[in-house]
């Protein structure tokens, strides 16, 4: 599975890198301002358990100024000291979860995601080597939990939902696992990855 996933991530560089997913995909009538997007990066961390590959998520603290109490990937805005966006993702992951940068083998990245809050997020996928000592940053993370990667790869598990935001009805993707509700940009990126993998498998069957 890891070899197949890596091949699909590596192929991003061979395809049209201008392709992006965004919060506006389901809201085409929204006013998407033409402004400078802030660069950010997240890591989709994969860890092996007895039941198979799991994705590590964080539940943001209720004290966070933005997206409080929401599920997210480890990650954040690019800082001046970061050598590149991959470094941003690894640094933020270590700060938020305790997973050491040296423990992560980065497999590659997939399509960027633009958010309604004007961030351009580059998502990377990495395999955690060995047993990570998970330690939530109490200032940012309320909980660290895992979801089976196989479940997240099934497009049928994603739903289109809506809610009022700034006086407008906005649509978004969501996916649930046990008591956890994953929605918005995080669900959008997960679905983008699932689409990439499904298209590749369909192409292989048709060859």
Protein backbone atom coordinates (compact mmCIF):
# COMPACT_ATOMS: atom_id res chain seq x y z
CA UNK A 1 0.00 0.00 0.00
CA UNK A 2 2.79 2.45 0.88
CA UNK A 3 4.53 1.90 -2.47
CA UNK A 4 1.27 2.56 -4.35
CA UNK A 5 0.56 5.67 -2.26
CA UNK A 6 4.05 7.03 -2.82
CA UNK A 7 3.76 6.51 -6.57
CA UNK A 8 0.52 8.49 -6.65
CA UNK A 9 2.04 11.32 -4.63
CA UNK A 10 5.17 11.44 -6.78
CA UNK A 11 3.00 11.71 -9.89
CA UNK A 12 1.72 15.11 -8.70
CA UNK A 13 4.94 16.67 -9.99
CA UNK A 14 4.28 15.18 -13.43
CA UNK A 15 0.75 16.57 -13.65
CA UNK A 16 -0.75 20.06 -13.75
CA UNK A 17 0.44 21.64 -10.48
CA UNK A 18 -2.06 24.46 -10.91
CA UNK A 19 -4.88 22.08 -9.95
CA UNK A 20 -6.16 22.91 -6.47
CA UNK A 21 -9.10 22.09 -4.25
CA UNK A 22 -10.76 24.74 -2.13
CA UNK A 23 -13.57 25.79 0.19
CA UNK A 24 -15.08 27.44 -2.89
CA UNK A 25 -15.56 24.19 -4.84
CA UNK A 26 -18.99 23.69 -3.25
CA UNK A 27 -19.68 27.43 -3.01
CA UNK A 28 -19.01 28.83 -6.51
CA UNK A 29 -21.23 31.86 -5.95
CA UNK A 30 -19.17 33.00 -2.95
CA UNK A 31 -17.06 36.12 -3.29
CA UNK A 32 -13.55 34.71 -3.60
CA UNK A 33 -11.36 37.76 -3.24
CA UNK A 34 -8.25 37.93 -5.42
CA UNK A 35 -5.75 38.50 -2.61
CA UNK A 36 -2.39 37.10 -1.64
CA UNK A 37 -2.88 33.70 -0.03
CA UNK A 38 -0.88 32.89 3.10
CA UNK A 39 1.30 29.76 2.67
CA UNK A 40 0.75 26.92 5.12
CA UNK A 41 1.38 23.19 5.25
CA UNK A 42 0.02 20.14 7.04
CA UNK A 43 1.22 16.59 7.50
CA UNK A 44 -0.95 13.50 7.03
CA UNK A 45 0.93 11.20 9.43
CA UNK A 46 0.57 7.45 8.88
CA UNK A 47 1.38 5.05 11.70
CA UNK A 48 1.27 1.24 11.56
CA UNK A 49 -0.90 -0.55 14.11
CA UNK A 50 -1.92 -4.20 14.40
CA UNK A 51 -5.15 -3.39 12.56
CA UNK A 52 -3.45 -1.62 9.66
CA UNK A 53 -2.35 1.90 8.76
CA UNK A 54 -3.84 4.74 10.80
CA UNK A 55 -3.90 8.51 10.22
CA UNK A 56 -3.01 10.70 13.20
CA UNK A 57 -5.29 13.70 13.79
CA UNK A 58 -5.42 16.47 16.36
CA UNK A 59 -8.46 17.99 18.03
CA UNK A 60 -7.78 21.69 18.42
CA UNK A 61 -8.10 23.21 21.86
CA UNK A 62 -11.23 25.20 22.69
CA UNK A 63 -8.87 28.05 23.62
CA UNK A 64 -7.54 28.48 20.08
CA UNK A 65 -8.45 31.84 18.46
CA UNK A 66 -9.47 30.16 15.18
CA UNK A 67 -11.07 26.79 14.39
CA UNK A 68 -11.35 26.02 18.10
CA UNK A 69 -12.55 22.50 18.87
CA UNK A 70 -12.16 21.30 15.28
CA UNK A 71 -10.33 18.25 13.97
CA UNK A 72 -7.25 18.99 11.92
CA UNK A 73 -3.98 17.60 10.62
CA UNK A 74 -0.83 18.72 12.41
CA UNK A 75 0.34 21.84 10.61
CA UNK A 76 0.25 25.58 10.36
CA UNK A 77 1.46 28.74 8.67
CA UNK A 78 4.92 28.88 7.14
CA UNK A 79 7.44 30.76 9.30
CA UNK A 80 10.56 32.66 8.25
CA UNK A 81 12.87 30.02 9.72
CA UNK A 82 11.29 27.21 7.68
CA UNK A 83 13.48 26.09 4.77
CA UNK A 84 10.40 25.04 2.76
CA UNK A 85 6.77 24.00 3.21
CA UNK A 86 7.72 20.40 3.96
CA UNK A 87 9.81 21.71 6.86
CA UNK A 88 6.77 23.71 7.99
CA UNK A 89 4.62 20.58 8.13
CA UNK A 90 7.24 18.54 9.99
CA UNK A 91 8.04 21.31 12.48
CA UNK A 92 4.40 21.96 13.28
CA UNK A 93 3.73 18.22 13.65
CA UNK A 94 6.53 17.86 16.18
CA UNK A 95 5.37 20.91 18.13
CA UNK A 96 1.73 19.80 18.23
CA UNK A 97 2.05 16.03 18.67
CA UNK A 98 5.58 15.22 19.82
CA UNK A 99 6.29 13.17 16.67
CA UNK A 100 9.96 13.87 15.95
CA UNK A 101 10.85 15.19 12.52
CA UNK A 102 13.53 12.48 12.29
CA UNK A 103 10.80 9.84 12.74
CA UNK A 104 8.90 10.84 9.60
CA UNK A 105 9.61 9.56 6.11
CA UNK A 106 7.85 11.96 3.76
CA UNK A 107 6.27 10.12 0.82
CA UNK A 108 5.23 13.22 -1.10
CA UNK A 109 2.45 15.74 -1.37
CA UNK A 110 -0.87 16.13 -3.14
CA UNK A 111 -2.99 19.01 -4.45
CA UNK A 112 -2.95 22.35 -2.61
CA UNK A 113 -6.07 23.47 -0.80
CA UNK A 114 -7.30 27.08 -0.61
CA UNK A 115 -9.37 28.03 2.42
CA UNK A 116 -12.02 30.69 2.89
CA UNK A 117 -9.69 32.20 5.50
CA UNK A 118 -7.16 32.91 2.71
CA UNK A 119 -4.60 30.17 3.35
CA UNK A 120 -2.98 28.06 0.65
CA UNK A 121 -2.30 24.72 2.34
CA UNK A 122 0.16 22.22 0.93
CA UNK A 123 -0.58 18.74 2.32
CA UNK A 124 2.25 16.23 2.74
CA UNK A 125 1.96 12.53 3.58
CA UNK A 126 4.52 10.90 5.83
CA UNK A 127 5.11 7.50 7.43
CA UNK A 128 6.08 7.47 11.10
CA UNK A 129 9.04 5.18 11.73
CA UNK A 130 8.93 3.22 14.96
CA UNK A 131 6.60 3.87 17.89
CA UNK A 132 5.91 7.60 18.32
CA UNK A 133 5.74 9.11 21.78
CA UNK A 134 2.59 11.17 21.27
CA UNK A 135 2.47 14.31 23.39
CA UNK A 136 -0.20 16.92 22.76
CA UNK A 137 0.81 20.57 23.01
CA UNK A 138 -1.61 21.74 25.74
CA UNK A 139 -1.80 25.25 24.27
CA UNK A 140 -3.07 24.06 20.89
CA UNK A 141 -4.19 20.43 21.05
CA UNK A 142 -6.92 18.96 23.24
CA UNK A 143 -6.57 15.40 21.95
CA UNK A 144 -4.62 13.21 19.54
CA UNK A 145 -6.49 10.32 17.92
CA UNK A 146 -6.23 7.93 14.98
CA UNK A 147 -8.55 6.85 12.16
CA UNK A 148 -8.01 3.87 9.81
CA UNK A 149 -6.52 5.02 6.53
CA UNK A 150 -8.63 2.47 4.63
CA UNK A 151 -11.81 4.10 5.96
CA UNK A 152 -10.67 7.57 4.89
CA UNK A 153 -9.92 6.33 1.36
CA UNK A 154 -13.57 5.40 0.73
CA UNK A 155 -15.33 8.23 -1.11
CA UNK A 156 -18.71 6.85 -0.03
CA UNK A 157 -17.89 7.79 3.58
CA UNK A 158 -17.83 11.52 2.75
CA UNK A 159 -21.00 13.61 2.96
CA UNK A 160 -21.90 17.06 1.67
CA UNK A 161 -23.30 19.17 4.49
CA UNK A 162 -24.01 22.85 5.15
CA UNK A 163 -24.25 25.46 7.86
CA UNK A 164 -24.68 29.21 8.21
CA UNK A 165 -21.44 31.23 8.18
CA UNK A 166 -21.41 35.05 8.22
CA UNK A 167 -25.04 35.13 7.20
CA UNK A 168 -24.64 32.77 4.24
CA UNK A 169 -25.35 29.09 3.77
CA UNK A 170 -22.07 27.35 3.01
CA UNK A 171 -21.53 23.77 1.87
CA UNK A 172 -18.62 21.55 2.86
CA UNK A 173 -17.52 17.93 3.02
CA UNK A 174 -17.60 15.95 6.25
CA UNK A 175 -16.68 12.48 7.45
CA UNK A 176 -17.22 10.91 10.87
CA UNK A 177 -15.35 8.25 12.80
CA UNK A 178 -16.71 7.10 16.16
CA UNK A 179 -17.27 10.30 18.18
CA UNK A 180 -15.08 12.43 15.90
CA UNK A 181 -16.53 14.76 13.27
CA UNK A 182 -14.09 15.85 10.56
CA UNK A 183 -15.25 18.65 8.29
CA UNK A 184 -14.23 21.72 6.32
CA UNK A 185 -10.71 22.00 4.89
CA UNK A 186 -9.48 18.83 6.63
CA UNK A 187 -12.27 16.73 5.13
CA UNK A 188 -11.76 18.48 1.79
CA UNK A 189 -8.08 17.49 1.73
CA UNK A 190 -8.88 13.93 2.77
CA UNK A 191 -11.40 13.64 -0.04
CA UNK A 192 -8.86 15.05 -2.52
CA UNK A 193 -6.41 12.33 -1.51
CA UNK A 194 -9.12 9.65 -1.75
CA UNK A 195 -10.02 10.90 -5.24
CA UNK A 196 -6.39 10.71 -6.33
CA UNK A 197 -6.06 7.13 -5.12
CA UNK A 198 -9.40 6.00 -6.56
CA UNK A 199 -8.68 7.48 -9.99
CA UNK A 200 -5.36 5.67 -10.07
CA UNK A 201 -6.93 2.31 -9.17
CA UNK A 202 -9.64 2.78 -11.80
CA UNK A 203 -7.00 3.59 -14.41
CA UNK A 204 -5.03 0.46 -13.48
CA UNK A 205 -8.13 -1.76 -13.84
CA UNK A 206 -8.86 -0.30 -17.27
CA UNK A 207 -5.31 -0.75 -18.59
